[in-house]
Amino acid sequence: MSIAQADLEIGAAVRKARELTGLRQKDLATNMRGRGFSWHQATVGMVENGERPLRVSEAYALAEVIMLELFVTPDPQTFREAAAFRRMRDAMQEVGDDDWDQTRHWRRSPGEDVAP
């Protein structure tokens, strides 16, 4: 899933949740400003149309305001890449950043199918 597609899907979820609670875009913006966010009706519209990404802190606030539930399900390739990244990060922490280029150390979990 591309970032643009994710923003569109998240925006659609925000719109649906807002409409289910009976709030207008203006009302949601006012509520978000009350929680410390610089939101206006245009901000709500841009988020709902996928034109502006939703920040994690905003998603938490929206979860309280409109009971928004966001589920992001990455494709299997993303899981493999994330697993490889975690192994690389863990290895770098073990040996230190300076030694990383020399060691090429990889960690594997039993049964993991990701090649380094």
PDB file of N, CA and C in Angstrom:
ATOM      1  N   MET A   1       0.851  -1.166   0.000  1.00  0.00           N
ATOM      2  CA  MET A   1       0.000   0.000   0.000  1.00  0.00           C
ATOM      3  C   MET A   1       0.900   1.234   0.000  1.00  0.00           C
ATOM      4  N   SER A   2       0.614   2.152  -0.890  1.00  0.00           N
ATOM      5  CA  SER A   2       1.405   3.376  -0.952  1.00  0.00           C
ATOM      6  C   SER A   2       0.994   4.324   0.173  1.00  0.00           C
ATOM      7  N   ILE A   3       1.837   5.300   0.426  1.00  0.00           N
ATOM      8  CA  ILE A   3       1.530   6.298   1.451  1.00  0.00           C
ATOM      9  C   ILE A   3       0.273   7.067   1.071  1.00  0.00           C
ATOM     10  N   ALA A   4       0.170   7.441  -0.215  1.00  0.00           N
ATOM     11  CA  ALA A   4      -1.013   8.186  -0.671  1.00  0.00           C
ATOM     12  C   ALA A   4      -2.283   7.370  -0.468  1.00  0.00           C
ATOM     13  N   GLN A   5      -2.223   6.067  -0.762  1.00  0.00           N
ATOM     14  CA  GLN A   5      -3.392   5.208  -0.574  1.00  0.00           C
ATOM     15  C   GLN A   5      -3.735   5.081   0.908  1.00  0.00           C
ATOM     16  N   ALA A   6      -2.717   4.971   1.746  1.00  0.00           N
ATOM     17  CA  ALA A   6      -2.960   4.892   3.186  1.00  0.00           C
ATOM     18  C   ALA A   6      -3.632   6.167   3.685  1.00  0.00           C
ATOM     19  N   ASP A   7      -3.153   7.328   3.223  1.00  0.00           N
ATOM     20  CA  ASP A   7      -3.766   8.598   3.629  1.00  0.00           C
ATOM     21  C   ASP A   7      -5.228   8.668   3.198  1.00  0.00           C
ATOM     22  N   LEU A   8      -5.526   8.160   1.994  1.00  0.00           N
ATOM     23  CA  LEU A   8      -6.919   8.143   1.513  1.00  0.00           C
ATOM     24  C   LEU A   8      -7.793   7.249   2.394  1.00  0.00           C
ATOM     25  N   GLU A   9      -7.271   6.072   2.737  1.00  0.00           N
ATOM     26  CA  GLU A   9      -8.052   5.144   3.556  1.00  0.00           C
ATOM     27  C   GLU A   9      -8.249   5.673   4.972  1.00  0.00           C
ATOM     28  N   ILE A  10      -7.214   6.267   5.536  1.00  0.00           N
ATOM     29  CA  ILE A  10      -7.329   6.850   6.873  1.00  0.00           C
ATOM     30  C   ILE A  10      -8.324   8.006   6.845  1.00  0.00           C
ATOM     31  N   GLY A  11      -8.235   8.843   5.817  1.00  0.00           N
ATOM     32  CA  GLY A  11      -9.167   9.957   5.686  1.00  0.00           C
ATOM     33  C   GLY A  11     -10.609   9.494   5.588  1.00  0.00           C
ATOM     34  N   ALA A  12     -10.838   8.433   4.821  1.00  0.00           N
ATOM     35  CA  ALA A  12     -12.192   7.886   4.696  1.00  0.00           C
ATOM     36  C   ALA A  12     -12.686   7.364   6.047  1.00  0.00           C
ATOM     37  N   ALA A  13     -11.783   6.755   6.819  1.00  0.00           N
ATOM     38  CA  ALA A  13     -12.160   6.257   8.150  1.00  0.00           C
ATOM     39  C   ALA A  13     -12.511   7.411   9.077  1.00  0.00           C
ATOM     40  N   VAL A  14     -11.751   8.512   8.990  1.00  0.00           N
ATOM     41  CA  VAL A  14     -12.038   9.692   9.814  1.00  0.00           C
ATOM     42  C   VAL A  14     -13.413  10.249   9.447  1.00  0.00           C
ATOM     43  N   ARG A  15     -13.668  10.392   8.146  1.00  0.00           N
ATOM     44  CA  ARG A  15     -14.964  10.925   7.701  1.00  0.00           C
ATOM     45  C   ARG A  15     -16.112  10.044   8.190  1.00  0.00           C
ATOM     46  N   LYS A  16     -15.977   8.747   8.005  1.00  0.00           N
ATOM     47  CA  LYS A  16     -17.049   7.827   8.412  1.00  0.00           C
ATOM     48  C   LYS A  16     -17.300   7.913   9.919  1.00  0.00           C
ATOM     49  N   ALA A  17     -16.219   7.906  10.705  1.00  0.00           N
ATOM     50  CA  ALA A  17     -16.375   7.981  12.164  1.00  0.00           C
ATOM     51  C   ALA A  17     -16.994   9.311  12.577  1.00  0.00           C
ATOM     52  N   ARG A  18     -16.560  10.396  11.934  1.00  0.00           N
ATOM     53  CA  ARG A  18     -17.123  11.723  12.259  1.00  0.00           C
ATOM     54  C   ARG A  18     -18.609  11.754  11.943  1.00  0.00           C
ATOM     55  N   GLU A  19     -18.975  11.251  10.774  1.00  0.00           N
ATOM     56  CA  GLU A  19     -20.385  11.262  10.377  1.00  0.00           C
ATOM     57  C   GLU A  19     -21.233  10.388  11.296  1.00  0.00           C
ATOM     58  N   LEU A  20     -20.681   9.258  11.727  1.00  0.00           N
ATOM     59  CA  LEU A  20     -21.423   8.378  12.633  1.00  0.00           C
ATOM     60  C   LEU A  20     -21.684   9.030  13.987  1.00  0.00           C
ATOM     61  N   THR A  21     -20.789   9.918  14.403  1.00  0.00           N
ATOM     62  CA  THR A  21     -20.998  10.609  15.678  1.00  0.00           C
ATOM     63  C   THR A  21     -21.866  11.846  15.519  1.00  0.00           C
ATOM     64  N   GLY A  22     -22.178  12.213  14.279  1.00  0.00           N
ATOM     65  CA  GLY A  22     -23.050  13.360  14.033  1.00  0.00           C
ATOM     66  C   GLY A  22     -22.359  14.706  14.100  1.00  0.00           C
ATOM     67  N   LEU A  23     -21.034  14.712  14.091  1.00  0.00           N
ATOM     68  CA  LEU A  23     -20.296  15.974  14.143  1.00  0.00           C
ATOM     69  C   LEU A  23     -20.104  16.549  12.742  1.00  0.00           C
ATOM     70  N   ARG A  24     -20.165  17.868  12.661  1.00  0.00           N
ATOM     71  CA  ARG A  24     -19.785  18.553  11.423  1.00  0.00           C
ATOM     72  C   ARG A  24     -18.275  18.726  11.440  1.00  0.00           C
ATOM     73  N   GLN A  25     -17.704  18.983  10.275  1.00  0.00           N
ATOM     74  CA  GLN A  25     -16.255  19.210  10.212  1.00  0.00           C
ATOM     75  C   GLN A  25     -15.851  20.344  11.139  1.00  0.00           C
ATOM     76  N   LYS A  26     -16.655  21.404  11.164  1.00  0.00           N
ATOM     77  CA  LYS A  26     -16.364  22.562  12.018  1.00  0.00           C
ATOM     78  C   LYS A  26     -16.345  22.161  13.490  1.00  0.00           C
ATOM     79  N   ASP A  27     -17.297  21.317  13.903  1.00  0.00           N
ATOM     80  CA  ASP A  27     -17.361  20.863  15.297  1.00  0.00           C
ATOM     81  C   ASP A  27     -16.136  20.034  15.668  1.00  0.00           C
ATOM     82  N   LEU A  28     -15.722  19.164  14.753  1.00  0.00           N
ATOM     83  CA  LEU A  28     -14.546  18.329  15.008  1.00  0.00           C
ATOM     84  C   LEU A  28     -13.302  19.198  15.136  1.00  0.00           C
ATOM     85  N   ALA A  29     -13.166  20.187  14.254  1.00  0.00           N
ATOM     86  CA  ALA A  29     -12.015  21.092  14.313  1.00  0.00           C
ATOM     87  C   ALA A  29     -11.987  21.843  15.643  1.00  0.00           C
ATOM     88  N   THR A  30     -13.129  22.319  16.087  1.00  0.00           N
ATOM     89  CA  THR A  30     -13.215  23.037  17.357  1.00  0.00           C
ATOM     90  C   THR A  30     -12.797  22.123  18.513  1.00  0.00           C
ATOM     91  N   ASN A  31     -13.259  20.885  18.482  1.00  0.00           N
ATOM     92  CA  ASN A  31     -12.914  19.927  19.531  1.00  0.00           C
ATOM     93  C   ASN A  31     -11.416  19.635  19.526  1.00  0.00           C
ATOM     94  N   MET A  32     -10.842  19.501  18.342  1.00  0.00           N
ATOM     95  CA  MET A  32      -9.395  19.231  18.246  1.00  0.00           C
ATOM     96  C   MET A  32      -8.586  20.440  18.721  1.00  0.00           C
ATOM     97  N   ARG A  33      -9.049  21.645  18.436  1.00  0.00           N
ATOM     98  CA  ARG A  33      -8.360  22.837  18.949  1.00  0.00           C
ATOM     99  C   ARG A  33      -8.403  22.857  20.464  1.00  0.00           C
ATOM    100  N   GLY A  34      -9.509  22.425  21.040  1.00  0.00           N
ATOM    101  CA  GLY A  34      -9.630  22.338  22.494  1.00  0.00           C
ATOM    102  C   GLY A  34      -8.656  21.343  23.104  1.00  0.00           C
ATOM    103  N   ARG A  35      -8.135  20.446  22.287  1.00  0.00           N
ATOM    104  CA  ARG A  35      -7.162  19.455  22.746  1.00  0.00           C
ATOM    105  C   ARG A  35      -5.734  19.855  22.397  1.00  0.00           C
ATOM    106  N   GLY A  36      -5.573  21.096  21.915  1.00  0.00           N
ATOM    107  CA  GLY A  36      -4.237  21.618  21.668  1.00  0.00           C
ATOM    108  C   GLY A  36      -3.726  21.512  20.241  1.00  0.00           C
ATOM    109  N   PHE A  37      -4.570  21.089  19.310  1.00  0.00           N
ATOM    110  CA  PHE A  37      -4.161  20.968  17.916  1.00  0.00           C
ATOM    111  C   PHE A  37      -4.640  22.185  17.131  1.00  0.00           C
ATOM    112  N   SER A  38      -3.859  22.598  16.172  1.00  0.00           N
ATOM    113  CA  SER A  38      -4.195  23.766  15.360  1.00  0.00           C
ATOM    114  C   SER A  38      -5.053  23.330  14.171  1.00  0.00           C
ATOM    115  N   TRP A  39      -6.257  22.884  14.466  1.00  0.00           N
ATOM    116  CA  TRP A  39      -7.155  22.371  13.430  1.00  0.00           C
ATOM    117  C   TRP A  39      -8.240  23.391  13.115  1.00  0.00           C
ATOM    118  N   HIS A  40      -8.611  23.425  11.841  1.00  0.00           N
ATOM    119  CA  HIS A  40      -9.718  24.245  11.354  1.00  0.00           C
ATOM    120  C   HIS A  40     -10.582  23.340  10.478  1.00  0.00           C
ATOM    121  N   GLN A  41     -11.707  23.826  10.036  1.00  0.00           N
ATOM    122  CA  GLN A  41     -12.571  23.015   9.186  1.00  0.00           C
ATOM    123  C   GLN A  41     -11.814  22.538   7.949  1.00  0.00           C
ATOM    124  N   ALA A  42     -10.975  23.396   7.389  1.00  0.00           N
ATOM    125  CA  ALA A  42     -10.188  23.011   6.209  1.00  0.00           C
ATOM    126  C   ALA A  42      -9.231  21.861   6.534  1.00  0.00           C
ATOM    127  N   THR A  43      -8.696  21.829   7.749  1.00  0.00           N
ATOM    128  CA  THR A  43      -7.795  20.744   8.156  1.00  0.00           C
ATOM    129  C   THR A  43      -8.543  19.415   8.143  1.00  0.00           C
ATOM    130  N   VAL A  44      -9.744  19.424   8.696  1.00  0.00           N
ATOM    131  CA  VAL A  44     -10.568  18.210   8.723  1.00  0.00           C
ATOM    132  C   VAL A  44     -10.820  17.738   7.290  1.00  0.00           C
ATOM    133  N   GLY A  45     -11.200  18.663   6.421  1.00  0.00           N
ATOM    134  CA  GLY A  45     -11.467  18.312   5.024  1.00  0.00           C
ATOM    135  C   GLY A  45     -10.246  17.725   4.334  1.00  0.00           C
ATOM    136  N   MET A  46      -9.078  18.318   4.578  1.00  0.00           N
ATOM    137  CA  MET A  46      -7.857  17.815   3.943  1.00  0.00           C
ATOM    138  C   MET A  46      -7.493  16.416   4.454  1.00  0.00           C
ATOM    139  N   VAL A  47      -7.665  16.192   5.747  1.00  0.00           N
ATOM    140  CA  VAL A  47      -7.398  14.860   6.304  1.00  0.00           C
ATOM    141  C   VAL A  47      -8.375  13.849   5.698  1.00  0.00           C
ATOM    142  N   GLU A  48      -9.646  14.196   5.678  1.00  0.00           N
ATOM    143  CA  GLU A  48     -10.668  13.283   5.160  1.00  0.00           C
ATOM    144  C   GLU A  48     -10.481  12.978   3.679  1.00  0.00           C
ATOM    145  N   ASN A  49      -9.915  13.907   2.929  1.00  0.00           N
ATOM    146  CA  ASN A  49      -9.685  13.697   1.494  1.00  0.00           C
ATOM    147  C   ASN A  49      -8.329  13.085   1.197  1.00  0.00           C
ATOM    148  N   GLY A  50      -7.552  12.781   2.239  1.00  0.00           N
ATOM    149  CA  GLY A  50      -6.241  12.182   2.051  1.00  0.00           C
ATOM    150  C   GLY A  50      -5.191  13.162   1.566  1.00  0.00           C
ATOM    151  N   GLU A  51      -5.473  14.447   1.697  1.00  0.00           N
ATOM    152  CA  GLU A  51      -4.553  15.490   1.229  1.00  0.00           C
ATOM    153  C   GLU A  51      -3.561  15.910   2.309  1.00  0.00           C
ATOM    154  N   ARG A  52      -3.842  15.514   3.551  1.00  0.00           N
ATOM    155  CA  ARG A  52      -2.959  15.842   4.673  1.00  0.00           C
ATOM    156  C   ARG A  52      -2.844  14.612   5.550  1.00  0.00           C
ATOM    157  N   PRO A  53      -1.603  14.174   5.815  1.00  0.00           N
ATOM    158  CA  PRO A  53      -1.452  12.988   6.663  1.00  0.00           C
ATOM    159  C   PRO A  53      -1.894  13.259   8.095  1.00  0.00           C
ATOM    160  N   LEU A  54      -2.378  12.227   8.727  1.00  0.00           N
ATOM    161  CA  LEU A  54      -2.804  12.315  10.117  1.00  0.00           C
ATOM    162  C   LEU A  54      -1.632  11.937  11.007  1.00  0.00           C
ATOM    163  N   ARG A  55      -1.302  12.797  11.946  1.00  0.00           N
ATOM    164  CA  ARG A  55      -0.207  12.508  12.877  1.00  0.00           C
ATOM    165  C   ARG A  55      -0.695  11.533  13.947  1.00  0.00           C
ATOM    166  N   VAL A  56       0.229  10.798  14.516  1.00  0.00           N
ATOM    167  CA  VAL A  56      -0.133   9.805  15.527  1.00  0.00           C
ATOM    168  C   VAL A  56      -0.824  10.461  16.714  1.00  0.00           C
ATOM    169  N   SER A  57      -0.299  11.580  17.178  1.00  0.00           N
ATOM    170  CA  SER A  57      -0.918  12.265  18.319  1.00  0.00           C
ATOM    171  C   SER A  57      -2.337  12.719  17.975  1.00  0.00           C
ATOM    172  N   GLU A  58      -2.552  13.110  16.735  1.00  0.00           N
ATOM    173  CA  GLU A  58      -3.901  13.505  16.304  1.00  0.00           C
ATOM    174  C   GLU A  58      -4.830  12.297  16.271  1.00  0.00           C
ATOM    175  N   ALA A  59      -4.304  11.158  15.831  1.00  0.00           N
ATOM    176  CA  ALA A  59      -5.120   9.942  15.792  1.00  0.00           C
ATOM    177  C   ALA A  59      -5.572   9.543  17.191  1.00  0.00           C
ATOM    178  N   TYR A  60      -4.673   9.687  18.173  1.00  0.00           N
ATOM    179  CA  TYR A  60      -5.065   9.392  19.561  1.00  0.00           C
ATOM    180  C   TYR A  60      -6.190  10.312  20.020  1.00  0.00           C
ATOM    181  N   ALA A  61      -6.069  11.593  19.703  1.00  0.00           N
ATOM    182  CA  ALA A  61      -7.115  12.545  20.088  1.00  0.00           C
ATOM    183  C   ALA A  61      -8.423  12.222  19.367  1.00  0.00           C
ATOM    184  N   LEU A  62      -8.329  11.905  18.082  1.00  0.00           N
ATOM    185  CA  LEU A  62      -9.534  11.561  17.324  1.00  0.00           C
ATOM    186  C   LEU A  62     -10.190  10.303  17.875  1.00  0.00           C
ATOM    187  N   ALA A  63      -9.383   9.376  18.357  1.00  0.00           N
ATOM    188  CA  ALA A  63      -9.936   8.158  18.938  1.00  0.00           C
ATOM    189  C   ALA A  63     -10.846   8.492  20.116  1.00  0.00           C
ATOM    190  N   GLU A  64     -10.477   9.515  20.871  1.00  0.00           N
ATOM    191  CA  GLU A  64     -11.305   9.938  22.004  1.00  0.00           C
ATOM    192  C   GLU A  64     -12.524  10.729  21.541  1.00  0.00           C
ATOM    193  N   VAL A  65     -12.343  11.583  20.545  1.00  0.00           N
ATOM    194  CA  VAL A  65     -13.415  12.479  20.118  1.00  0.00           C
ATOM    195  C   VAL A  65     -14.492  11.747  19.325  1.00  0.00           C
ATOM    196  N   ILE A  66     -14.080  10.964  18.346  1.00  0.00           N
ATOM    197  CA  ILE A  66     -15.062  10.328  17.464  1.00  0.00           C
ATOM    198  C   ILE A  66     -14.965   8.807  17.484  1.00  0.00           C
ATOM    199  N   MET A  67     -14.270   8.266  18.496  1.00  0.00           N
ATOM    200  CA  MET A  67     -14.108   6.822  18.634  1.00  0.00           C
ATOM    201  C   MET A  67     -13.561   6.209  17.352  1.00  0.00           C
ATOM    202  N   LEU A  68     -12.527   6.854  16.815  1.00  0.00           N
ATOM    203  CA  LEU A  68     -11.894   6.407  15.584  1.00  0.00           C
ATOM    204  C   LEU A  68     -11.010   5.210  15.855  1.00  0.00           C
ATOM    205  N   GLU A  69     -11.155   4.177  15.059  1.00  0.00           N
ATOM    206  CA  GLU A  69     -10.284   3.016  15.142  1.00  0.00           C
ATOM    207  C   GLU A  69      -9.548   2.906  13.821  1.00  0.00           C
ATOM    208  N   LEU A  70      -8.240   2.936  13.883  1.00  0.00           N
ATOM    209  CA  LEU A  70      -7.430   2.826  12.678  1.00  0.00           C
ATOM    210  C   LEU A  70      -6.687   1.505  12.698  1.00  0.00           C
ATOM    211  N   PHE A  71      -6.857   0.753  11.660  1.00  0.00           N
ATOM    212  CA  PHE A  71      -6.142  -0.508  11.521  1.00  0.00           C
ATOM    213  C   PHE A  71      -5.336  -0.426  10.242  1.00  0.00           C
ATOM    214  N   VAL A  72      -4.036  -0.593  10.354  1.00  0.00           N
ATOM    215  CA  VAL A  72      -3.167  -0.581   9.194  1.00  0.00           C
ATOM    216  C   VAL A  72      -2.600  -1.984   9.041  1.00  0.00           C
ATOM    217  N   THR A  73      -2.874  -2.602   7.932  1.00  0.00           N
ATOM    218  CA  THR A  73      -2.401  -3.950   7.681  1.00  0.00           C
ATOM    219  C   THR A  73      -1.425  -3.924   6.517  1.00  0.00           C
ATOM    220  N   PRO A  74      -0.133  -3.912   6.812  1.00  0.00           N
ATOM    221  CA  PRO A  74       0.831  -3.891   5.723  1.00  0.00           C
ATOM    222  C   PRO A  74       0.855  -5.211   4.967  1.00  0.00           C
ATOM    223  N   ASP A  75       1.322  -5.159   3.739  1.00  0.00           N
ATOM    224  CA  ASP A  75       1.429  -6.375   2.942  1.00  0.00           C
ATOM    225  C   ASP A  75       2.586  -7.235   3.469  1.00  0.00           C
ATOM    226  N   PRO A  76       2.641  -8.515   3.075  1.00  0.00           N
ATOM    227  CA  PRO A  76       3.688  -9.414   3.589  1.00  0.00           C
ATOM    228  C   PRO A  76       5.107  -8.908   3.331  1.00  0.00           C
ATOM    229  N   GLN A  77       5.337  -8.263   2.206  1.00  0.00           N
ATOM    230  CA  GLN A  77       6.672  -7.748   1.918  1.00  0.00           C
ATOM    231  C   GLN A  77       7.079  -6.721   2.971  1.00  0.00           C
ATOM    232  N   THR A  78       6.146  -5.912   3.405  1.00  0.00           N
ATOM    233  CA  THR A  78       6.437  -4.914   4.427  1.00  0.00           C
ATOM    234  C   THR A  78       6.846  -5.599   5.725  1.00  0.00           C
ATOM    235  N   PHE A  79       6.164  -6.702   6.075  1.00  0.00           N
ATOM    236  CA  PHE A  79       6.539  -7.438   7.271  1.00  0.00           C
ATOM    237  C   PHE A  79       7.961  -7.970   7.159  1.00  0.00           C
ATOM    238  N   ARG A  80       8.327  -8.520   5.995  1.00  0.00           N
ATOM    239  CA  ARG A  80       9.678  -9.046   5.809  1.00  0.00           C
ATOM    240  C   ARG A  80      10.709  -7.929   5.924  1.00  0.00           C
ATOM    241  N   GLU A  81      10.420  -6.783   5.301  1.00  0.00           N
ATOM    242  CA  GLU A  81      11.350  -5.655   5.377  1.00  0.00           C
ATOM    243  C   GLU A  81      11.490  -5.158   6.811  1.00  0.00           C
ATOM    244  N   ALA A  82      10.385  -5.109   7.535  1.00  0.00           N
ATOM    245  CA  ALA A  82      10.426  -4.654   8.926  1.00  0.00           C
ATOM    246  C   ALA A  82      11.236  -5.622   9.780  1.00  0.00           C
ATOM    247  N   ALA A  83      11.081  -6.922   9.540  1.00  0.00           N
ATOM    248  CA  ALA A  83      11.849  -7.911  10.299  1.00  0.00           C
ATOM    249  C   ALA A  83      13.336  -7.749  10.015  1.00  0.00           C
ATOM    250  N   ALA A  84      13.692  -7.543   8.752  1.00  0.00           N
ATOM    251  CA  ALA A  84      15.099  -7.344   8.395  1.00  0.00           C
ATOM    252  C   ALA A  84      15.644  -6.073   9.040  1.00  0.00           C
ATOM    253  N   PHE A  85      14.857  -5.035   9.042  1.00  0.00           N
ATOM    254  CA  PHE A  85      15.276  -3.780   9.663  1.00  0.00           C
ATOM    255  C   PHE A  85      15.506  -3.963  11.161  1.00  0.00           C
ATOM    256  N   ARG A  86      14.597  -4.671  11.823  1.00  0.00           N
ATOM    257  CA  ARG A  86      14.753  -4.902  13.263  1.00  0.00           C
ATOM    258  C   ARG A  86      16.033  -5.680  13.555  1.00  0.00           C
ATOM    259  N   ARG A  87      16.320  -6.696  12.741  1.00  0.00           N
ATOM    260  CA  ARG A  87      17.555  -7.447  12.946  1.00  0.00           C
ATOM    261  C   ARG A  87      18.767  -6.548  12.770  1.00  0.00           C
ATOM    262  N   MET A  88      18.745  -5.701  11.751  1.00  0.00           N
ATOM    263  CA  MET A  88      19.865  -4.801  11.500  1.00  0.00           C
ATOM    264  C   MET A  88      20.019  -3.811  12.657  1.00  0.00           C
ATOM    265  N   ARG A  89      18.911  -3.251  13.122  1.00  0.00           N
ATOM    266  CA  ARG A  89      18.955  -2.309  14.245  1.00  0.00           C
ATOM    267  C   ARG A  89      19.500  -2.967  15.497  1.00  0.00           C
ATOM    268  N   ASP A  90      19.020  -4.179  15.778  1.00  0.00           N
ATOM    269  CA  ASP A  90      19.489  -4.904  16.963  1.00  0.00           C
ATOM    270  C   ASP A  90      20.983  -5.196  16.865  1.00  0.00           C
ATOM    271  N   ALA A  91      21.426  -5.597  15.686  1.00  0.00           N
ATOM    272  CA  ALA A  91      22.848  -5.896  15.491  1.00  0.00           C
ATOM    273  C   ALA A  91      23.689  -4.641  15.683  1.00  0.00           C
ATOM    274  N   MET A  92      23.221  -3.526  15.172  1.00  0.00           N
ATOM    275  CA  MET A  92      23.964  -2.274  15.325  1.00  0.00           C
ATOM    276  C   MET A  92      24.053  -1.875  16.784  1.00  0.00           C
ATOM    277  N   GLN A  93      23.007  -2.114  17.543  1.00  0.00           N
ATOM    278  CA  GLN A  93      23.035  -1.778  18.964  1.00  0.00           C
ATOM    279  C   GLN A  93      24.007  -2.679  19.714  1.00  0.00           C
ATOM    280  N   GLU A  94      24.100  -3.933  19.286  1.00  0.00           N
ATOM    281  CA  GLU A  94      25.008  -4.872  19.946  1.00  0.00           C
ATOM    282  C   GLU A  94      26.465  -4.519  19.708  1.00  0.00           C
ATOM    283  N   VAL A  95      26.803  -4.205  18.479  1.00  0.00           N
ATOM    284  CA  VAL A  95      28.217  -3.995  18.148  1.00  0.00           C
ATOM    285  C   VAL A  95      28.610  -2.527  18.131  1.00  0.00           C
ATOM    286  N   GLY A  96      27.651  -1.640  18.163  1.00  0.00           N
ATOM    287  CA  GLY A  96      27.946  -0.211  18.091  1.00  0.00           C
ATOM    288  C   GLY A  96      27.993   0.248  16.643  1.00  0.00           C
ATOM    289  N   ASP A  97      27.583   1.459  16.401  1.00  0.00           N
ATOM    290  CA  ASP A  97      27.502   1.982  15.043  1.00  0.00           C
ATOM    291  C   ASP A  97      28.840   1.955  14.309  1.00  0.00           C
ATOM    292  N   ASP A  98      29.945   2.211  15.012  1.00  0.00           N
ATOM    293  CA  ASP A  98      31.255   2.275  14.360  1.00  0.00           C
ATOM    294  C   ASP A  98      31.689   0.932  13.802  1.00  0.00           C
ATOM    295  N   ASP A  99      31.286  -0.152  14.462  1.00  0.00           N
ATOM    296  CA  ASP A  99      31.724  -1.473  14.047  1.00  0.00           C
ATOM    297  C   ASP A  99      30.794  -2.123  13.020  1.00  0.00           C
ATOM    298  N   TRP A 100      29.670  -1.500  12.726  1.00  0.00           N
ATOM    299  CA  TRP A 100      28.653  -2.130  11.871  1.00  0.00           C
ATOM    300  C   TRP A 100      29.195  -2.520  10.500  1.00  0.00           C
ATOM    301  N   ASP A 101      29.924  -1.636   9.827  1.00  0.00           N
ATOM    302  CA  ASP A 101      30.424  -1.916   8.486  1.00  0.00           C
ATOM    303  C   ASP A 101      31.382  -3.094   8.463  1.00  0.00           C
ATOM    304  N   GLN A 102      32.085  -3.319   9.539  1.00  0.00           N
ATOM    305  CA  GLN A 102      33.082  -4.389   9.561  1.00  0.00           C
ATOM    306  C   GLN A 102      32.476  -5.754   9.892  1.00  0.00           C
ATOM    307  N   THR A 103      31.413  -5.786  10.645  1.00  0.00           N
ATOM    308  CA  THR A 103      30.916  -7.072  11.134  1.00  0.00           C
ATOM    309  C   THR A 103      29.880  -7.721  10.229  1.00  0.00           C
ATOM    310  N   ARG A 104      28.993  -6.941   9.631  1.00  0.00           N
ATOM    311  CA  ARG A 104      27.881  -7.489   8.826  1.00  0.00           C
ATOM    312  C   ARG A 104      27.129  -8.574   9.608  1.00  0.00           C
ATOM    313  N   HIS A 105      26.942  -8.311  10.888  1.00  0.00           N
ATOM    314  CA  HIS A 105      26.315  -9.263  11.802  1.00  0.00           C
ATOM    315  C   HIS A 105      24.790  -9.244  11.610  1.00  0.00           C
ATOM    316  N   TRP A 106      24.188 -10.399  11.428  1.00  0.00           N
ATOM    317  CA  TRP A 106      22.739 -10.503  11.300  1.00  0.00           C
ATOM    318  C   TRP A 106      22.215 -11.445  12.364  1.00  0.00           C
ATOM    319  N   ARG A 107      21.066 -11.147  12.853  1.00  0.00           N
ATOM    320  CA  ARG A 107      20.425 -11.986  13.846  1.00  0.00           C
ATOM    321  C   ARG A 107      19.197 -12.615  13.212  1.00  0.00           C
ATOM    322  N   ARG A 108      18.977 -13.867  13.419  1.00  0.00           N
ATOM    323  CA  ARG A 108      17.792 -14.530  12.887  1.00  0.00           C
ATOM    324  C   ARG A 108      17.007 -15.170  14.017  1.00  0.00           C
ATOM    325  N   SER A 109      15.708 -15.055  13.897  1.00  0.00           N
ATOM    326  CA  SER A 109      14.850 -15.763  14.831  1.00  0.00           C
ATOM    327  C   SER A 109      14.560 -17.135  14.242  1.00  0.00           C
ATOM    328  N   PRO A 110      14.381 -18.162  15.055  1.00  0.00           N
ATOM    329  CA  PRO A 110      14.095 -19.491  14.528  1.00  0.00           C
ATOM    330  C   PRO A 110      12.853 -19.464  13.637  1.00  0.00           C
ATOM    331  N   GLY A 111      12.971 -20.060  12.456  1.00  0.00           N
ATOM    332  CA  GLY A 111      11.831 -20.141  11.547  1.00  0.00           C
ATOM    333  C   GLY A 111      11.589 -18.905  10.724  1.00  0.00           C
ATOM    334  N   GLU A 112      12.383 -17.892  10.870  1.00  0.00           N
ATOM    335  CA  GLU A 112      12.187 -16.648  10.128  1.00  0.00           C
ATOM    336  C   GLU A 112      12.642 -16.849   8.697  1.00  0.00           C
ATOM    337  N   ASP A 113      11.833 -16.409   7.723  1.00  0.00           N
ATOM    338  CA  ASP A 113      12.119 -16.684   6.326  1.00  0.00           C
ATOM    339  C   ASP A 113      12.742 -15.490   5.588  1.00  0.00           C
ATOM    340  N   VAL A 114      13.199 -14.513   6.304  1.00  0.00           N
ATOM    341  CA  VAL A 114      13.739 -13.303   5.670  1.00  0.00           C
ATOM    342  C   VAL A 114      15.232 -13.465   5.471  1.00  0.00           C
ATOM    343  N   ALA A 115      15.677 -13.273   4.239  1.00  0.00           N
ATOM    344  CA  ALA A 115      17.105 -13.349   3.957  1.00  0.00           C
ATOM    345  C   ALA A 115      17.742 -12.000   4.234  1.00  0.00           C
ATOM    346  N   PRO A 116      18.989 -11.969   4.740  1.00  0.00           N
ATOM    347  CA  PRO A 116      19.646 -10.685   5.017  1.00  0.00           C
ATOM    348  C   PRO A 116      19.966  -9.945   3.745  1.00  0.00           C
TER     349      PRO A 116
END
